[in-house]
């Protein structure tokens, strides 16, 4: 009996030691983060996600200030480079779109993410569908997608019959009566309008892409809100600008009546994205321990659930219930992953050609 008890104890020891190891490391990092007193995070412009993060972080870590700032599109990475050349290192965590993240990698601004993970539930790749799928950079170690959403265009159903849109899909962009009625968050930059060019080119081909960009005379606007406003008010028939519900939220709150619908959720009409909610860590960060606490915290199931509810977009964690199963990716379907680093070369190629076709 004693031998049996001893055998059980020895069998349990490695697991106990591992638990003590990560817990001790976590306690040490949290204590050091409290001494630093601050973590500085850049993020994309999701009001719901921002409000949740600020509220929940303050409840969980009141001793550590969370500074959230909006990453201003194509100007953000050049601004950081300018700051660093002046000897200023201000940023800890990147929490914005993966295309901007790829630009940051190429500028040598990021560290690998996985070495920062401590908590067992966030170090496990299984809830994320495996690191190969969850990371957006080529090396699969810098930029992790936290959300999973099917991104598509949306249209004014009073101007375009839904039956026609369903039948044509993206080919509706080539219809004569759509000419001059496409509102597009300027795809020449790094905002949410850019990845849609990859989708259009992959689905319809380069010649159709050129025809849409030139002959169909889309209007390039400077914000998601401007695209949404054009479609809601009937000035445009179709908008390419990012998450539909996020774009329409303020119009619904204002009580405006409109019939705006998404173009579809198939691989022929949508790409699979991460709602501008990717995660990375800057190198030479001023608050390394607080940054480490933040990335572990935001990747937990509890915070991922709240972030999904706040933003309206599903978590990439497969153990967080879907908010809207109807808008999920079709199981087994092969979607264009327009924000993956593998497609970044194509995006840059399209942007370079577009700048010649449609100079700013």
Protein backbone atom coordinates (compact mmCIF):
# COMPACT_ATOMS: atom_id res chain seq x y z
CA UNK A 1 0.00 0.00 0.00
CA UNK A 2 2.83 2.34 0.88
CA UNK A 3 4.56 1.53 -2.41
CA UNK A 4 1.34 2.28 -4.30
CA UNK A 5 0.92 5.60 -2.51
CA UNK A 6 4.56 6.46 -3.21
CA UNK A 7 4.13 5.60 -6.90
CA UNK A 8 1.05 7.84 -7.15
CA UNK A 9 2.89 10.67 -5.41
CA UNK A 10 5.86 10.38 -7.78
CA UNK A 11 3.51 10.31 -10.78
CA UNK A 12 1.83 13.51 -9.59
CA UNK A 13 5.05 15.38 -8.76
CA UNK A 14 5.97 16.50 -12.33
CA UNK A 15 2.53 18.03 -12.85
CA UNK A 16 2.67 19.67 -9.43
CA UNK A 17 6.11 21.10 -10.17
CA UNK A 18 4.95 22.45 -13.53
CA UNK A 19 1.93 24.08 -11.89
CA UNK A 20 4.14 25.65 -9.25
CA UNK A 21 6.59 26.81 -11.94
CA UNK A 22 4.05 28.71 -14.05
CA UNK A 23 2.23 30.07 -11.00
CA UNK A 24 5.43 31.34 -9.45
CA UNK A 25 6.46 32.93 -12.74
CA UNK A 26 3.03 34.53 -13.14
CA UNK A 27 3.09 35.93 -9.60
CA UNK A 28 6.55 37.37 -10.21
CA UNK A 29 5.54 39.03 -13.49
CA UNK A 30 2.33 40.49 -12.05
CA UNK A 31 4.23 41.94 -9.09
CA UNK A 32 6.82 43.48 -11.45
CA UNK A 33 4.03 44.84 -13.67
CA UNK A 34 2.47 46.59 -10.70
CA UNK A 35 5.81 48.22 -10.04
CA UNK A 36 5.91 49.45 -13.65
CA UNK A 37 2.38 50.74 -13.18
CA UNK A 38 1.40 51.11 -16.83
CA UNK A 39 0.97 49.32 -20.16
CA UNK A 40 0.67 51.21 -23.46
CA UNK A 41 -1.38 49.56 -26.19
CA UNK A 42 -2.28 50.63 -29.72
CA UNK A 43 -5.53 49.24 -31.16
CA UNK A 44 -7.93 49.52 -34.07
CA UNK A 45 -11.01 51.72 -33.78
CA UNK A 46 -13.54 49.31 -32.24
CA UNK A 47 -15.51 51.25 -29.63
CA UNK A 48 -17.18 48.19 -28.14
CA UNK A 49 -13.92 46.28 -27.77
CA UNK A 50 -12.11 49.33 -26.38
CA UNK A 51 -14.78 50.02 -23.77
CA UNK A 52 -14.78 46.41 -22.58
CA UNK A 53 -10.98 46.22 -22.33
CA UNK A 54 -10.74 49.45 -20.33
CA UNK A 55 -13.51 48.42 -17.93
CA UNK A 56 -12.36 44.83 -17.37
CA UNK A 57 -8.67 45.70 -17.04
CA UNK A 58 -9.44 48.32 -14.39
CA UNK A 59 -11.39 45.72 -12.43
CA UNK A 60 -8.68 43.08 -12.74
CA UNK A 61 -5.54 45.20 -12.40
CA UNK A 62 -6.41 48.56 -10.82
CA UNK A 63 -2.76 49.16 -9.90
CA UNK A 64 -1.68 49.13 -13.58
CA UNK A 65 -2.85 51.91 -15.89
CA UNK A 66 -4.03 50.76 -19.33
CA UNK A 67 -3.31 53.38 -21.98
CA UNK A 68 -5.20 52.61 -25.21
CA UNK A 69 -4.59 54.64 -28.35
CA UNK A 70 -5.95 54.21 -31.86
CA UNK A 71 -3.37 53.09 -34.42
CA UNK A 72 -3.81 55.66 -37.18
CA UNK A 73 -3.66 53.47 -40.29
CA UNK A 74 -0.76 53.86 -42.72
CA UNK A 75 0.86 56.66 -40.67
CA UNK A 76 1.24 54.65 -37.47
CA UNK A 77 4.35 52.57 -38.19
CA UNK A 78 6.25 55.49 -39.79
CA UNK A 79 5.41 57.56 -36.71
CA UNK A 80 6.90 54.89 -34.42
CA UNK A 81 10.05 54.77 -36.54
CA UNK A 82 10.37 58.54 -36.23
CA UNK A 83 9.89 58.30 -32.45
CA UNK A 84 12.54 55.62 -32.14
CA UNK A 85 15.02 57.56 -34.24
CA UNK A 86 14.56 60.31 -31.66
CA UNK A 87 15.26 57.86 -28.84
CA UNK A 88 11.62 57.51 -27.70
CA UNK A 89 10.27 54.00 -27.07
CA UNK A 90 6.66 54.40 -25.96
CA UNK A 91 4.68 51.34 -27.05
CA UNK A 92 4.27 47.94 -25.41
CA UNK A 93 1.52 45.99 -27.20
CA UNK A 94 0.13 45.99 -30.74
CA UNK A 95 -3.62 45.21 -30.91
CA UNK A 96 -4.69 46.31 -34.38
CA UNK A 97 -5.03 44.98 -37.93
CA UNK A 98 -2.57 42.33 -39.16
CA UNK A 99 -1.64 44.28 -42.29
CA UNK A 100 -0.25 47.08 -40.11
CA UNK A 101 1.38 44.36 -38.04
CA UNK A 102 3.17 42.97 -41.10
CA UNK A 103 4.46 46.47 -41.81
CA UNK A 104 5.73 46.60 -38.22
CA UNK A 105 7.53 43.27 -38.68
CA UNK A 106 9.27 44.53 -41.81
CA UNK A 107 10.33 47.63 -39.91
CA UNK A 108 11.87 45.43 -37.20
CA UNK A 109 9.52 46.64 -34.44
CA UNK A 110 8.13 43.37 -33.02
CA UNK A 111 9.27 40.51 -30.81
CA UNK A 112 7.96 36.91 -31.03
CA UNK A 113 4.75 36.49 -29.04
CA UNK A 114 4.85 32.88 -27.82
CA UNK A 115 7.76 33.38 -25.36
CA UNK A 116 5.57 35.93 -23.54
CA UNK A 117 2.85 33.39 -22.73
CA UNK A 118 2.72 31.98 -19.20
CA UNK A 119 -0.84 30.88 -18.40
CA UNK A 120 -1.49 27.25 -19.42
CA UNK A 121 -4.85 28.07 -21.03
CA UNK A 122 -3.28 30.59 -23.41
CA UNK A 123 -0.16 28.55 -24.16
CA UNK A 124 -2.31 25.68 -25.43
CA UNK A 125 -2.67 26.03 -29.23
CA UNK A 126 -5.78 23.80 -29.39
CA UNK A 127 -8.43 26.46 -28.53
CA UNK A 128 -6.88 28.67 -31.22
CA UNK A 129 -7.15 26.02 -33.92
CA UNK A 130 -3.37 25.58 -33.87
CA UNK A 131 -0.72 28.26 -34.16
CA UNK A 132 -0.34 27.66 -37.92
CA UNK A 133 -3.88 28.88 -38.46
CA UNK A 134 -4.03 31.54 -35.74
CA UNK A 135 -0.85 33.46 -36.60
CA UNK A 136 -1.03 35.86 -39.53
CA UNK A 137 2.68 36.36 -40.29
CA UNK A 138 4.71 34.01 -42.49
CA UNK A 139 6.86 32.75 -39.64
CA UNK A 140 3.77 32.13 -37.47
CA UNK A 141 5.24 33.73 -34.38
CA UNK A 142 4.60 37.48 -34.33
CA UNK A 143 0.95 38.37 -35.11
CA UNK A 144 -1.87 36.35 -33.53
CA UNK A 145 -5.49 36.79 -34.64
CA UNK A 146 -7.78 37.11 -31.60
CA UNK A 147 -11.11 37.33 -33.43
CA UNK A 148 -12.61 35.36 -36.29
CA UNK A 149 -15.12 36.94 -38.60
CA UNK A 150 -16.35 36.67 -42.15
CA UNK A 151 -15.77 40.06 -43.76
CA UNK A 152 -17.92 41.06 -46.69
CA UNK A 153 -19.26 44.16 -48.41
CA UNK A 154 -22.74 45.51 -47.66
CA UNK A 155 -25.36 47.06 -49.90
CA UNK A 156 -28.53 49.14 -49.89
CA UNK A 157 -31.37 46.72 -50.62
CA UNK A 158 -33.56 49.60 -51.84
CA UNK A 159 -31.10 50.20 -54.67
CA UNK A 160 -30.09 46.62 -55.44
CA UNK A 161 -32.58 43.76 -55.31
CA UNK A 162 -31.39 41.08 -52.84
CA UNK A 163 -32.24 38.30 -55.32
CA UNK A 164 -29.95 39.88 -57.87
CA UNK A 165 -27.12 40.33 -55.37
CA UNK A 166 -27.45 36.74 -54.19
CA UNK A 167 -27.25 35.51 -57.79
CA UNK A 168 -24.29 37.68 -58.86
CA UNK A 169 -22.23 37.93 -55.68
CA UNK A 170 -19.14 40.07 -56.27
CA UNK A 171 -19.95 40.18 -59.99
CA UNK A 172 -22.62 42.74 -59.13
CA UNK A 173 -19.72 45.22 -58.98
CA UNK A 174 -19.38 44.91 -62.76
CA UNK A 175 -23.02 45.81 -63.48
CA UNK A 176 -23.56 49.06 -65.44
CA UNK A 177 -25.98 50.56 -62.92
CA UNK A 178 -23.45 50.18 -60.10
CA UNK A 179 -20.93 52.45 -61.82
CA UNK A 180 -20.19 55.44 -59.59
CA UNK A 181 -22.17 53.93 -56.70
CA UNK A 182 -19.42 52.01 -54.89
CA UNK A 183 -18.11 53.54 -51.66
CA UNK A 184 -14.73 52.14 -50.62
CA UNK A 185 -12.70 52.95 -47.50
CA UNK A 186 -9.58 53.99 -49.39
CA UNK A 187 -7.79 50.72 -50.25
CA UNK A 188 -4.56 52.52 -51.05
CA UNK A 189 -3.90 52.72 -47.30
CA UNK A 190 -3.77 50.12 -44.53
CA UNK A 191 -7.36 50.45 -43.30
CA UNK A 192 -10.16 47.90 -43.43
CA UNK A 193 -10.90 48.66 -47.09
CA UNK A 194 -7.57 47.31 -48.35
CA UNK A 195 -8.03 43.53 -47.82
CA UNK A 196 -11.18 43.58 -49.96
CA UNK A 197 -8.97 44.20 -53.00
CA UNK A 198 -7.31 40.84 -52.40
CA UNK A 199 -10.73 39.18 -52.19
CA UNK A 200 -11.96 40.79 -55.43
CA UNK A 201 -8.76 39.91 -57.31
CA UNK A 202 -8.73 36.32 -56.02
CA UNK A 203 -12.39 35.71 -56.85
CA UNK A 204 -12.89 37.71 -60.07
CA UNK A 205 -9.37 37.96 -61.50
CA UNK A 206 -7.04 40.86 -62.28
CA UNK A 207 -8.84 42.19 -65.35
CA UNK A 208 -12.18 42.37 -63.52
CA UNK A 209 -10.42 44.04 -60.59
CA UNK A 210 -9.02 46.69 -62.94
CA UNK A 211 -12.41 47.27 -64.53
CA UNK A 212 -14.01 47.74 -61.11
CA UNK A 213 -11.28 50.08 -59.90
CA UNK A 214 -11.25 52.25 -63.00
CA UNK A 215 -14.33 51.86 -65.21
CA UNK A 216 -16.79 51.43 -62.34
CA UNK A 217 -15.44 54.60 -60.71
CA UNK A 218 -15.64 53.72 -57.01
CA UNK A 219 -15.52 56.60 -54.54
CA UNK A 220 -12.59 56.29 -52.13
CA UNK A 221 -13.43 57.73 -48.71
CA UNK A 222 -11.29 58.43 -45.67
CA UNK A 223 -13.18 56.43 -43.02
CA UNK A 224 -15.47 53.48 -42.40
CA UNK A 225 -18.16 55.87 -41.21
CA UNK A 226 -18.15 57.76 -44.52
CA UNK A 227 -18.77 54.53 -46.44
CA UNK A 228 -21.58 53.52 -44.11
CA UNK A 229 -23.17 56.96 -44.35
CA UNK A 230 -23.13 56.84 -48.16
CA UNK A 231 -24.92 53.47 -48.25
CA UNK A 232 -27.42 54.24 -45.50
CA UNK A 233 -28.45 57.48 -47.18
CA UNK A 234 -28.60 55.94 -50.67
CA UNK A 235 -25.70 57.90 -52.11
CA UNK A 236 -23.93 54.61 -52.77
CA UNK A 237 -25.28 51.15 -53.49
CA UNK A 238 -22.36 49.11 -52.10
CA UNK A 239 -19.70 49.73 -49.43
CA UNK A 240 -16.35 48.10 -48.79
CA UNK A 241 -15.22 49.34 -45.41
CA UNK A 242 -15.14 46.67 -42.72
CA UNK A 243 -17.49 45.13 -40.15
CA UNK A 244 -21.10 45.83 -41.12
CA UNK A 245 -22.64 45.93 -37.64
CA UNK A 246 -19.84 48.07 -36.27
CA UNK A 247 -20.31 50.48 -39.18
CA UNK A 248 -24.08 50.66 -38.83
CA UNK A 249 -24.32 50.79 -35.02
CA UNK A 250 -24.47 54.57 -34.71
CA UNK A 251 -27.09 54.88 -37.44
CA UNK A 252 -29.27 52.34 -35.65
CA UNK A 253 -28.84 54.20 -32.37
CA UNK A 254 -29.90 57.40 -34.11
CA UNK A 255 -33.13 55.72 -35.16
CA UNK A 256 -32.55 55.93 -38.91
CA UNK A 257 -34.63 53.56 -41.03
CA UNK A 258 -32.71 51.70 -43.72
CA UNK A 259 -32.37 48.30 -45.36
CA UNK A 260 -28.67 47.55 -45.60
CA UNK A 261 -27.57 43.92 -45.96
CA UNK A 262 -24.31 42.03 -46.26
CA UNK A 263 -23.23 40.65 -49.61
CA UNK A 264 -22.90 37.06 -48.36
CA UNK A 265 -20.79 34.68 -46.28
CA UNK A 266 -19.47 32.27 -48.90
CA UNK A 267 -15.83 32.09 -50.05
CA UNK A 268 -17.00 33.77 -53.27
CA UNK A 269 -18.30 36.86 -51.45
CA UNK A 270 -16.25 37.20 -48.25
CA UNK A 271 -12.83 36.74 -46.74
CA UNK A 272 -12.02 35.34 -43.31
CA UNK A 273 -10.46 37.98 -41.12
CA UNK A 274 -9.76 38.99 -37.53
CA UNK A 275 -11.74 42.26 -37.17
CA UNK A 276 -8.60 44.36 -36.68
CA UNK A 277 -8.00 42.40 -33.47
CA UNK A 278 -4.56 40.89 -33.83
CA UNK A 279 -1.98 40.77 -31.05
CA UNK A 280 1.77 41.33 -30.96
CA UNK A 281 4.44 42.80 -28.69
CA UNK A 282 6.83 45.60 -29.56
CA UNK A 283 10.51 45.06 -28.98
CA UNK A 284 12.33 47.50 -26.67
CA UNK A 285 8.99 48.00 -24.89
CA UNK A 286 9.09 50.31 -21.85
CA UNK A 287 6.86 48.13 -19.64
CA UNK A 288 7.86 44.52 -20.42
CA UNK A 289 6.18 42.89 -17.43
CA UNK A 290 2.91 44.82 -17.78
CA UNK A 291 2.92 43.97 -21.49
CA UNK A 292 3.33 40.31 -20.60
CA UNK A 293 0.41 40.45 -18.18
CA UNK A 294 -1.74 42.14 -20.82
CA UNK A 295 -1.13 39.61 -23.60
CA UNK A 296 -1.78 36.66 -21.28
CA UNK A 297 -4.89 38.37 -19.89
CA UNK A 298 -6.44 39.24 -23.25
CA UNK A 299 -5.96 35.69 -24.53
CA UNK A 300 -7.86 34.00 -21.67
CA UNK A 301 -11.26 32.48 -22.36
CA UNK A 302 -12.92 34.84 -19.86
CA UNK A 303 -11.60 38.01 -21.50
CA UNK A 304 -12.03 36.61 -25.02
CA UNK A 305 -15.72 36.02 -24.23
CA UNK A 306 -16.22 39.57 -22.99
CA UNK A 307 -14.31 41.02 -25.92
CA UNK A 308 -16.50 39.12 -28.37
CA UNK A 309 -19.64 40.37 -26.67
CA UNK A 310 -18.32 43.92 -26.65
CA UNK A 311 -17.24 43.98 -30.28
CA UNK A 312 -19.97 41.78 -31.73
CA UNK A 313 -17.44 39.48 -33.41
CA UNK A 314 -16.61 35.90 -32.54
CA UNK A 315 -13.43 34.99 -30.73
CA UNK A 316 -10.91 32.83 -32.53
CA UNK A 317 -10.90 30.66 -29.41
CA UNK A 318 -13.09 27.71 -30.33
CA UNK A 319 -14.19 27.27 -26.69
CA UNK A 320 -16.00 30.65 -26.73
CA UNK A 321 -19.61 30.30 -27.96
CA UNK A 322 -20.42 31.95 -31.29
CA UNK A 323 -22.47 35.14 -31.06
CA UNK A 324 -24.02 34.72 -34.47
CA UNK A 325 -23.74 31.21 -35.95
CA UNK A 326 -25.44 32.41 -39.15
CA UNK A 327 -22.45 34.63 -39.94
CA UNK A 328 -19.80 32.04 -39.19
CA UNK A 329 -17.53 30.64 -41.85
CA UNK A 330 -18.97 27.64 -43.68
CA UNK A 331 -17.30 24.55 -42.16
CA UNK A 332 -14.67 23.12 -44.49
CA UNK A 333 -14.94 25.98 -46.98
CA UNK A 334 -11.72 27.49 -48.32
CA UNK A 335 -11.85 31.24 -47.73
CA UNK A 336 -9.41 33.88 -48.89
CA UNK A 337 -7.37 34.89 -45.84
CA UNK A 338 -6.84 38.39 -47.16
CA UNK A 339 -4.96 39.67 -44.10
CA UNK A 340 -2.45 36.82 -43.93
CA UNK A 341 1.14 37.77 -44.61
CA UNK A 342 1.13 35.42 -47.62
CA UNK A 343 -1.35 37.76 -49.30
CA UNK A 344 0.48 40.92 -48.29
CA UNK A 345 2.70 40.88 -51.39
CA UNK A 346 -0.43 40.70 -53.57
CA UNK A 347 -2.03 43.55 -51.64
CA UNK A 348 1.05 45.74 -52.04
CA UNK A 349 1.15 44.91 -55.75
CA UNK A 350 -2.50 45.88 -56.14
CA UNK A 351 -2.00 49.07 -54.15
CA UNK A 352 0.98 50.07 -56.27
CA UNK A 353 -0.99 49.51 -59.48
CA UNK A 354 -4.05 51.30 -58.08
CA UNK A 355 -1.97 54.35 -57.19
CA UNK A 356 -0.99 54.56 -60.86
CA UNK A 357 -4.54 53.94 -62.07
CA UNK A 358 -6.13 56.24 -59.51
CA UNK A 359 -3.57 58.76 -58.22
CA UNK A 360 -4.50 60.42 -54.95
